Amino acid sequence: MDLAHSQSEHDDPARDRILIVDDQASSRLLIGSVLEAAGYTCLAYARDGVEAIEWLAANTADIVILDIRMPRMDGFEVCREIRCRLALDLPILVQTGIQEADCRVDAFKVGASDIVSKPLNPGELVSRVRLHLERRRMIGRLQRYQDRMEDELRAAQSMQLALLPGPEDVAAILQPRGAAMTTFYRASHMLGGDLWQVFPVDGTRFAVFMVDLSGHGVSAAINAFRVNMITAGLVRERADPDRWLAALNRALVPILPVEHFATAFYAVIDAAAGEMRYAVAGAPPPLILRGDGGWEELPGRGLILGCLADAEYECSSVQLGPQDQLFAYSDALYEDFENPEASLGAGDIAIAVQAEAAAGSDAFSARLLTRLFGRPDAEFRDDLTFLLIGLNAP
C-alpha cells in the first residue's frame, strides 16, 4: 500500500520539473502553455544555453526541452555540458526546424534523448515528454530496487563470511594440537555455496570439514546456512568421519531442494600420532604433500550428499609424517569449464602447492593463484575454497 501510494505521488505530472530552453519568448510561452494544459506545472525557463547550464548547476530537473539554434551557446554545446561537465543523466528533448539528417545525428551524438520537429505539434510534444518521464521513473525504480538488493546481498555476504572460522578461532583449535592451517575462500558471485569448518575432537585430535553445494548465489548460500546449522549439532559423531557424513547426509536429504546436492570431505587428524582418518562424499580427492617432496592423492569415494537418505560412507586412514601437509580444495581450482582439456591435473596442483608452501605461509594463497592462473584476483565461474594444513608447525 505504501509503495503504491509513493509511486502514485511520484507519477503526478505536477511534480515533474521541466526546464524549457529557447531564445524566443514566444516559443517558451507556447511550450509552457502546452505543458501546463497537460498538467505539467513545475516549469522553469532559460533564454539561452548559458542560462540553462547555470540553472542546472544549481537546480534539479527531470527533463530538458532544448532549442538547437540559440545565441551565446547553442543546443549542441548545452548537451555536451549537461552530459560531460555536469554529468547529468536526465532526458534531453531537442526541438529543431532543421531537417538535415546530419544535424539530427549530431544531436544524438552529443547526448540528446529525442527530437521534436518545428513547427511544434502540441500532441507530439506532450507524448514525447510523458514517454521520457515515465521511462525515467521506471529506470529510477529499477535503480532503487537494484540498490536495495545490493545492500541486502552485502548484508547476506557478511553473514555468510561470519560462518567461516576466523584465524584466531582456527589457531585456538590447531596450535595446541600441533598443526596450523592456511585457508582461502572466494565466491564466484557475492554469495556462494562453499563452506569449511574446523572442530576440536579431543585433546589431541581436530576435525576439518569442507563442503561444496551445487549452484551459485542466493540458493547455494541458503543451503550453506542449512549445512552450518546441521553441523553444529553433530558433536557426538565428530570422531568418526563416516558416521559424521552419514548423519549430515540424512539431515540434508529432506531439506535440500530437488536437484540440489553437495560434495564434501571430512577428516579427523591426530598430529601427535601421525594419523588421519577421513571420508569423502563426491569431493575432489585431497592431496597429501609429503615432507620428502613426494605427494599422493587420497583414495576414497562416497555418494554425494542430499540424494539418498541411507547412503553409507567409507572411513579411510593415512599415516602422516612430521612435515607432511594436507591440501583440500573445491573443483573450481582445477576445472576449466570453457575448455575441459585445459583443466589442471592433481600433479599440476601438487607441484604448485609444494613450491608456494615452501616459500612460507605469508601470501601463500595469492602466490598459488598467481602461479596457477597468472593473477591473484583471477575470476572463477564457481566458488573456490582451499585449505592447506601443516602438521607439527613450529
Protein backbone atom coordinates (compact mmCIF):
# COMPACT_ATOMS: atom_id res chain seq x y z
CA MET A 1 0.00 0.00 0.00
CA ASP A 2 2.76 2.43 0.92
CA LEU A 3 4.69 1.56 -2.26
CA ALA A 4 1.64 2.15 -4.47
CA HIS A 5 0.93 5.45 -2.70
CA SER A 6 4.53 6.54 -3.13
CA GLN A 7 4.52 5.65 -6.81
CA SER A 8 1.23 7.42 -7.49
CA GLU A 9 2.58 10.62 -5.90
CA HIS A 10 5.77 10.34 -7.90
CA ASP A 11 3.76 9.87 -11.11
CA ASP A 12 1.93 13.18 -10.58
CA PRO A 13 2.75 15.43 -13.61
CA ALA A 14 2.61 18.48 -11.36
CA ARG A 15 5.74 17.23 -9.59
CA ASP A 16 7.81 16.75 -12.74
CA ARG A 17 10.40 19.51 -13.05
CA ILE A 18 10.82 20.67 -16.65
CA LEU A 19 13.38 23.18 -17.91
CA ILE A 20 12.44 24.90 -21.18
CA VAL A 21 15.38 26.45 -23.05
CA ASP A 22 14.63 28.72 -26.04
CA ASP A 23 15.83 32.18 -27.05
CA GLN A 24 12.40 33.08 -28.44
CA ALA A 25 9.96 34.29 -25.79
CA SER A 26 7.01 33.24 -27.95
CA SER A 27 8.36 29.68 -28.19
CA ARG A 28 8.91 29.49 -24.44
CA LEU A 29 5.38 30.73 -23.84
CA LEU A 30 3.89 28.24 -26.34
CA ILE A 31 5.74 25.25 -24.91
CA GLY A 32 4.86 26.28 -21.37
CA SER A 33 1.17 26.68 -22.13
CA VAL A 34 1.02 23.29 -23.88
CA LEU A 35 2.67 21.55 -20.92
CA GLU A 36 0.55 23.36 -18.33
CA ALA A 37 -2.59 22.27 -20.17
CA ALA A 38 -1.34 18.67 -19.86
CA GLY A 39 -0.85 19.05 -16.09
CA TYR A 40 2.87 19.90 -16.00
CA THR A 41 3.07 22.99 -13.84
CA CYS A 42 6.58 22.79 -12.32
CA LEU A 43 8.25 24.67 -15.18
CA ALA A 44 11.45 26.70 -15.37
CA TYR A 45 12.70 28.80 -18.28
CA ALA A 46 16.09 29.75 -19.72
CA ARG A 47 16.65 32.23 -22.56
CA ASP A 48 19.78 30.54 -23.89
CA GLY A 49 22.30 27.81 -23.23
CA VAL A 50 24.35 29.79 -20.73
CA GLU A 51 21.31 30.43 -18.53
CA ALA A 52 20.30 26.78 -18.88
CA ILE A 53 23.67 25.47 -17.65
CA GLU A 54 23.73 27.97 -14.77
CA TRP A 55 20.22 26.89 -13.75
CA LEU A 56 21.02 23.18 -13.96
CA ALA A 57 24.18 23.66 -11.90
CA ALA A 58 22.04 24.99 -9.04
CA ASN A 59 18.74 23.13 -9.51
CA THR A 60 17.35 19.71 -10.40
CA ALA A 61 15.29 18.92 -13.48
CA ASP A 62 13.54 15.77 -14.64
CA ILE A 63 13.70 16.69 -18.34
CA VAL A 64 15.08 19.49 -20.52
CA ILE A 65 13.33 20.78 -23.64
CA LEU A 66 16.05 22.42 -25.68
CA ASP A 67 16.19 24.55 -28.83
CA ILE A 68 19.16 23.98 -31.14
CA ARG A 69 19.72 27.45 -32.64
CA MET A 70 20.45 29.93 -29.82
CA PRO A 71 22.95 32.76 -29.22
CA ARG A 72 25.94 32.51 -26.85
CA MET A 73 25.64 28.69 -26.51
CA ASP A 74 23.70 26.53 -28.94
CA GLY A 75 21.84 23.33 -28.14
CA PHE A 76 24.71 21.07 -29.18
CA GLU A 77 27.05 22.67 -26.65
CA VAL A 78 24.34 22.58 -23.97
CA CYS A 79 24.03 18.82 -24.48
CA ARG A 80 27.79 18.40 -24.15
CA GLU A 81 27.85 20.45 -20.95
CA ILE A 82 24.95 18.52 -19.44
CA ARG A 83 26.45 15.12 -20.25
CA CYS A 84 30.15 15.84 -19.68
CA ARG A 85 30.70 18.67 -17.21
CA LEU A 86 27.50 18.36 -15.16
CA ALA A 87 27.34 14.57 -15.73
CA LEU A 88 23.54 14.56 -15.63
CA ASP A 89 21.59 11.56 -16.86
CA LEU A 90 18.27 13.28 -17.46
CA PRO A 91 16.29 13.20 -20.74
CA ILE A 92 17.07 16.00 -23.22
CA LEU A 93 14.30 16.64 -25.74
CA VAL A 94 15.69 18.70 -28.64
CA GLN A 95 13.34 20.83 -30.74
CA THR A 96 14.55 21.94 -34.14
CA GLY A 97 13.31 23.02 -37.52
CA ILE A 98 16.46 21.77 -39.21
CA GLN A 99 15.62 18.75 -41.31
CA GLU A 100 19.13 17.72 -42.40
CA ALA A 101 19.90 14.18 -41.33
CA ASP A 102 23.45 15.10 -40.25
CA CYS A 103 22.13 17.67 -37.81
CA ARG A 104 19.85 15.14 -36.18
CA VAL A 105 22.63 12.58 -35.98
CA ASP A 106 24.91 15.19 -34.38
CA ALA A 107 22.24 15.95 -31.78
CA PHE A 108 22.13 12.32 -30.70
CA LYS A 109 25.93 12.12 -30.71
CA VAL A 110 26.22 14.92 -28.15
CA GLY A 111 23.61 13.37 -25.85
CA ALA A 112 20.10 14.29 -27.00
CA SER A 113 17.46 11.74 -25.99
CA ASP A 114 14.86 12.61 -28.61
CA ILE A 115 13.98 15.20 -31.27
CA VAL A 116 10.75 17.14 -31.81
CA SER A 117 10.33 18.97 -35.10
CA LYS A 118 9.33 22.59 -35.51
CA PRO A 119 6.73 23.93 -36.04
CA LEU A 120 5.59 22.50 -32.74
CA ASN A 121 2.91 19.82 -32.65
CA PRO A 122 1.36 20.05 -29.13
CA GLY A 123 0.19 16.44 -29.07
CA GLU A 124 3.59 15.13 -30.14
CA LEU A 125 5.38 17.29 -27.57
CA VAL A 126 3.24 16.10 -24.67
CA SER A 127 3.50 12.47 -25.78
CA ARG A 128 7.31 12.64 -26.03
CA VAL A 129 7.62 14.39 -22.67
CA ARG A 130 5.34 11.87 -21.00
CA LEU A 131 7.21 8.94 -22.58
CA HIS A 132 10.63 10.09 -21.37
CA LEU A 133 9.41 10.99 -17.89
CA GLU A 134 7.76 7.60 -17.49
CA ARG A 135 10.93 5.91 -18.70
CA ARG A 136 12.98 7.98 -16.25
CA ARG A 137 10.70 6.98 -13.36
CA MET A 138 10.89 3.33 -14.38
CA ILE A 139 14.70 3.45 -14.53
CA GLY A 140 14.73 5.18 -11.15
CA ARG A 141 12.56 2.48 -9.61
CA LEU A 142 14.77 -0.23 -11.09
CA GLN A 143 17.89 1.51 -9.78
CA ARG A 144 16.41 1.83 -6.29
CA TYR A 145 15.42 -1.83 -6.39
CA GLN A 146 18.92 -2.80 -7.52
CA ASP A 147 20.45 -0.68 -4.75
CA ARG A 148 18.26 -2.38 -2.14
CA MET A 149 19.14 -5.80 -3.47
CA GLU A 150 22.85 -5.00 -3.42
CA ASP A 151 22.56 -3.77 0.17
CA GLU A 152 20.78 -6.97 1.15
CA LEU A 153 23.32 -9.10 -0.70
CA ARG A 154 26.18 -7.33 1.06
CA ALA A 155 24.49 -7.99 4.40
CA ALA A 156 23.98 -11.65 3.47
CA GLN A 157 27.58 -11.86 2.30
CA SER A 158 28.78 -10.58 5.67
CA MET A 159 26.60 -13.13 7.42
CA GLN A 160 27.95 -15.93 5.23
CA LEU A 161 31.58 -14.93 5.78
CA ALA A 162 30.86 -14.92 9.51
CA LEU A 163 30.15 -18.67 9.22
CA LEU A 164 33.81 -19.28 8.40
CA PRO A 165 36.15 -19.61 11.37
CA GLY A 166 38.47 -16.66 11.85
CA PRO A 167 42.26 -17.01 12.14
CA GLU A 168 42.14 -16.75 15.92
CA ASP A 169 39.47 -19.45 16.16
CA VAL A 170 41.50 -21.75 13.92
CA ALA A 171 44.72 -21.14 15.85
CA ALA A 172 42.98 -21.79 19.15
CA ILE A 173 41.97 -25.26 17.94
CA LEU A 174 45.01 -26.27 15.88
CA GLN A 175 48.02 -24.87 17.71
CA PRO A 176 47.53 -26.93 20.89
CA ARG A 177 47.11 -30.00 18.67
CA GLY A 178 50.33 -29.50 16.70
CA ALA A 179 49.01 -28.08 13.44
CA ALA A 180 48.43 -24.88 11.51
CA MET A 181 46.13 -24.07 8.60
CA THR A 182 46.07 -21.59 5.71
CA THR A 183 42.63 -21.03 4.18
CA PHE A 184 41.14 -19.39 1.11
CA TYR A 185 37.52 -18.75 0.14
CA ARG A 186 36.07 -16.72 -2.74
CA ALA A 187 32.50 -16.82 -4.02
CA SER A 188 32.02 -16.58 -7.78
CA HIS A 189 29.13 -14.21 -7.01
CA MET A 190 28.59 -12.15 -3.87
CA LEU A 191 27.16 -15.27 -2.24
CA GLY A 192 28.36 -18.83 -2.67
CA GLY A 193 27.85 -22.43 -1.70
CA ASP A 194 31.27 -23.36 -0.36
CA LEU A 195 31.80 -23.79 3.38
CA TRP A 196 34.65 -25.06 5.53
CA GLN A 197 34.84 -25.66 9.26
CA VAL A 198 37.28 -26.93 11.87
CA PHE A 199 36.25 -28.63 15.13
CA PRO A 200 38.03 -29.85 18.24
CA VAL A 201 37.53 -33.58 18.78
CA ASP A 202 39.52 -34.17 21.95
CA GLY A 203 42.80 -33.05 23.49
CA THR A 204 44.95 -34.32 20.61
CA ARG A 205 42.61 -34.52 17.61
CA PHE A 206 40.77 -32.00 15.47
CA ALA A 207 38.40 -32.35 12.51
CA VAL A 208 38.33 -30.48 9.21
CA PHE A 209 35.23 -30.27 7.03
CA MET A 210 34.81 -28.81 3.56
CA VAL A 211 31.58 -28.81 1.54
CA ASP A 212 30.72 -27.57 -1.97
CA LEU A 213 26.98 -27.09 -2.52
CA SER A 214 25.55 -27.16 -6.03
CA GLY A 215 24.51 -23.92 -7.68
CA HIS A 216 25.60 -20.36 -7.12
CA GLY A 217 24.35 -17.20 -5.50
CA VAL A 218 21.44 -16.99 -3.08
CA SER A 219 20.19 -20.57 -3.35
CA ALA A 220 23.64 -22.05 -2.72
CA ALA A 221 24.24 -19.65 0.18
CA ILE A 222 20.93 -20.63 1.80
CA ASN A 223 21.99 -24.26 1.61
CA ALA A 224 25.35 -23.33 3.16
CA PHE A 225 23.49 -21.80 6.10
CA ARG A 226 21.48 -25.02 6.39
CA VAL A 227 24.66 -27.10 6.47
CA ASN A 228 26.17 -24.83 9.10
CA MET A 229 23.14 -25.26 11.36
CA ILE A 230 23.20 -29.04 10.96
CA THR A 231 26.92 -29.47 11.60
CA ALA A 232 26.69 -27.51 14.85
CA GLY A 233 24.63 -30.40 16.23
CA LEU A 234 26.84 -33.25 15.01
CA VAL A 235 29.09 -33.28 18.07
CA ARG A 236 28.91 -36.94 19.09
CA GLU A 237 29.80 -38.08 15.56
CA ARG A 238 32.89 -35.84 15.19
CA ALA A 239 35.44 -38.57 15.88
CA ASP A 240 34.08 -40.84 13.13
CA PRO A 241 34.22 -39.37 9.59
CA ASP A 242 31.92 -41.98 8.07
CA ARG A 243 29.24 -41.58 10.75
CA TRP A 244 29.56 -37.79 10.59
CA LEU A 245 28.99 -37.61 6.81
CA ALA A 246 26.15 -40.13 7.01
CA ALA A 247 24.41 -38.05 9.69
CA LEU A 248 24.85 -34.86 7.67
CA ASN A 249 23.51 -36.58 4.56
CA ARG A 250 20.41 -37.86 6.39
CA ALA A 251 19.66 -34.34 7.57
CA LEU A 252 20.16 -32.80 4.12
CA VAL A 253 18.05 -35.21 2.05
CA PRO A 254 14.65 -33.87 3.21
CA ILE A 255 15.59 -30.18 3.18
CA LEU A 256 17.69 -29.68 0.04
CA PRO A 257 15.56 -28.58 -2.94
CA VAL A 258 15.11 -31.03 -5.80
CA GLU A 259 18.25 -31.39 -7.95
CA HIS A 260 20.42 -29.75 -5.28
CA PHE A 261 23.27 -31.70 -3.73
CA ALA A 262 26.69 -31.28 -2.13
CA THR A 263 30.16 -32.77 -2.26
CA ALA A 264 32.18 -32.94 0.94
CA PHE A 265 35.38 -34.03 2.66
CA TYR A 266 35.68 -34.69 6.39
CA ALA A 267 38.88 -35.65 8.20
CA VAL A 268 39.94 -36.26 11.79
CA ILE A 269 43.64 -35.52 12.29
CA ASP A 270 45.86 -36.60 15.15
CA ALA A 271 49.15 -34.82 14.54
CA ALA A 272 50.87 -36.33 17.57
CA ALA A 273 50.03 -39.90 16.49
CA GLY A 274 50.70 -39.12 12.82
CA GLU A 275 47.31 -40.37 11.66
CA MET A 276 44.40 -39.01 9.67
CA ARG A 277 41.03 -40.72 9.26
CA TYR A 278 38.76 -39.35 6.57
CA ALA A 279 35.66 -39.84 4.44
CA VAL A 280 34.72 -38.39 1.06
CA ALA A 281 31.33 -37.62 -0.48
CA GLY A 282 32.00 -36.95 -4.16
CA ALA A 283 34.60 -34.26 -3.45
CA PRO A 284 37.88 -33.86 -5.36
CA PRO A 285 40.47 -36.20 -3.76
CA PRO A 286 42.58 -34.17 -1.30
CA LEU A 287 46.36 -34.31 -1.62
CA ILE A 288 48.97 -35.37 0.89
CA LEU A 289 52.17 -33.41 0.28
CA ARG A 290 55.00 -35.40 1.84
CA GLY A 291 57.85 -33.75 3.67
CA ASP A 292 60.35 -35.50 1.39
CA GLY A 293 58.89 -33.80 -1.69
CA GLY A 294 56.52 -36.55 -2.82
CA TRP A 295 52.77 -36.32 -2.99
CA GLU A 296 49.74 -38.58 -3.30
CA GLU A 297 46.03 -38.35 -3.96
CA LEU A 298 43.94 -39.71 -1.15
CA PRO A 299 41.86 -42.69 -2.26
CA GLY A 300 38.24 -42.82 -1.22
CA ARG A 301 34.80 -42.30 -2.62
CA GLY A 302 31.26 -41.83 -1.46
CA LEU A 303 27.87 -40.73 -2.78
CA ILE A 304 27.25 -37.00 -2.98
CA LEU A 305 25.23 -35.58 -0.09
CA GLY A 306 21.50 -34.95 -0.29
CA CYS A 307 20.47 -37.72 -2.70
CA LEU A 308 19.91 -40.96 -0.76
CA ALA A 309 19.00 -40.92 2.92
CA ASP A 310 20.54 -44.30 3.80
CA ALA A 311 23.83 -43.71 1.94
CA GLU A 312 26.89 -45.07 3.73
CA TYR A 313 30.38 -43.63 3.64
CA GLU A 314 33.75 -45.33 3.85
CA CYS A 315 36.24 -44.33 6.50
CA SER A 316 39.87 -44.50 5.32
CA SER A 317 43.10 -43.72 7.12
CA VAL A 318 46.54 -42.48 6.17
CA GLN A 319 49.78 -42.06 8.09
CA LEU A 320 51.29 -38.60 8.29
CA GLY A 321 54.91 -37.64 8.74
CA PRO A 322 56.15 -34.72 10.84
CA GLN A 323 56.44 -32.33 7.88
CA ASP A 324 53.55 -33.63 5.78
CA GLN A 325 50.76 -31.33 4.63
CA LEU A 326 47.13 -31.86 3.64
CA PHE A 327 45.70 -29.84 0.76
CA ALA A 328 41.92 -29.96 0.23
CA TYR A 329 40.20 -27.93 -2.49
CA SER A 330 36.95 -27.43 -4.36
CA ASP A 331 36.65 -28.25 -8.06
CA ALA A 332 36.89 -24.61 -9.17
CA LEU A 333 40.65 -24.86 -8.59
CA TYR A 334 41.21 -27.32 -11.40
CA GLU A 335 38.17 -27.34 -13.69
CA ASP A 336 38.18 -25.23 -16.85
CA PHE A 337 34.51 -25.12 -17.83
CA GLU A 338 35.10 -23.47 -21.21
CA ASN A 339 38.00 -25.72 -22.19
CA PRO A 340 37.87 -29.01 -20.24
CA GLU A 341 41.09 -30.22 -21.85
CA ALA A 342 42.90 -27.35 -20.13
CA SER A 343 41.76 -28.43 -16.66
CA LEU A 344 44.57 -28.92 -14.17
CA GLY A 345 45.66 -32.35 -13.05
CA ALA A 346 46.42 -33.38 -9.49
CA GLY A 347 50.13 -33.28 -10.28
CA ASP A 348 49.92 -29.69 -11.51
CA ILE A 349 48.25 -28.65 -8.28
CA ALA A 350 50.57 -30.66 -6.04
CA ILE A 351 53.72 -29.22 -7.60
CA ALA A 352 52.36 -25.68 -7.40
CA VAL A 353 51.24 -26.03 -3.78
CA GLN A 354 54.54 -27.56 -2.69
CA ALA A 355 56.53 -24.80 -4.35
CA GLU A 356 54.49 -21.98 -2.84
CA ALA A 357 54.17 -23.60 0.58
CA ALA A 358 57.97 -23.91 0.74
CA ALA A 359 58.14 -20.12 0.38
CA GLY A 360 56.18 -19.64 3.61
CA SER A 361 52.60 -19.11 4.72
CA ASP A 362 52.58 -15.33 4.15
CA ALA A 363 50.59 -14.57 0.97
CA PHE A 364 50.50 -18.29 0.14
CA SER A 365 47.03 -18.06 -1.42
CA ALA A 366 47.90 -15.09 -3.63
CA ARG A 367 51.11 -16.74 -4.79
CA LEU A 368 49.35 -20.00 -5.57
CA LEU A 369 46.62 -18.31 -7.62
CA THR A 370 49.23 -16.29 -9.48
CA ARG A 371 51.23 -19.42 -10.25
CA LEU A 372 48.19 -21.37 -11.48
CA PHE A 373 46.13 -18.62 -13.14
CA GLY A 374 48.50 -15.71 -13.72
CA ARG A 375 46.96 -13.30 -11.21
CA PRO A 376 45.82 -13.39 -7.56
CA ASP A 377 42.42 -11.88 -8.38
CA ALA A 378 41.58 -14.33 -11.16
CA GLU A 379 37.84 -14.76 -11.71
CA PHE A 380 36.18 -18.15 -11.42
CA ARG A 381 32.82 -19.38 -12.64
CA ASP A 382 32.38 -21.39 -9.45
CA ASP A 383 33.05 -20.78 -5.77
CA LEU A 384 36.62 -21.56 -4.78
CA THR A 385 37.89 -22.90 -1.46
CA PHE A 386 41.17 -24.50 -0.49
CA LEU A 387 42.80 -25.45 2.80
CA LEU A 388 46.45 -26.19 3.49
CA ILE A 389 47.09 -27.92 6.81
CA GLY A 390 50.61 -28.38 8.08
CA LEU A 391 51.44 -30.77 10.93
CA ASN A 392 53.77 -30.11 13.81
CA ALA A 393 54.09 -26.49 12.73
CA PRO A 394 56.59 -24.52 14.77
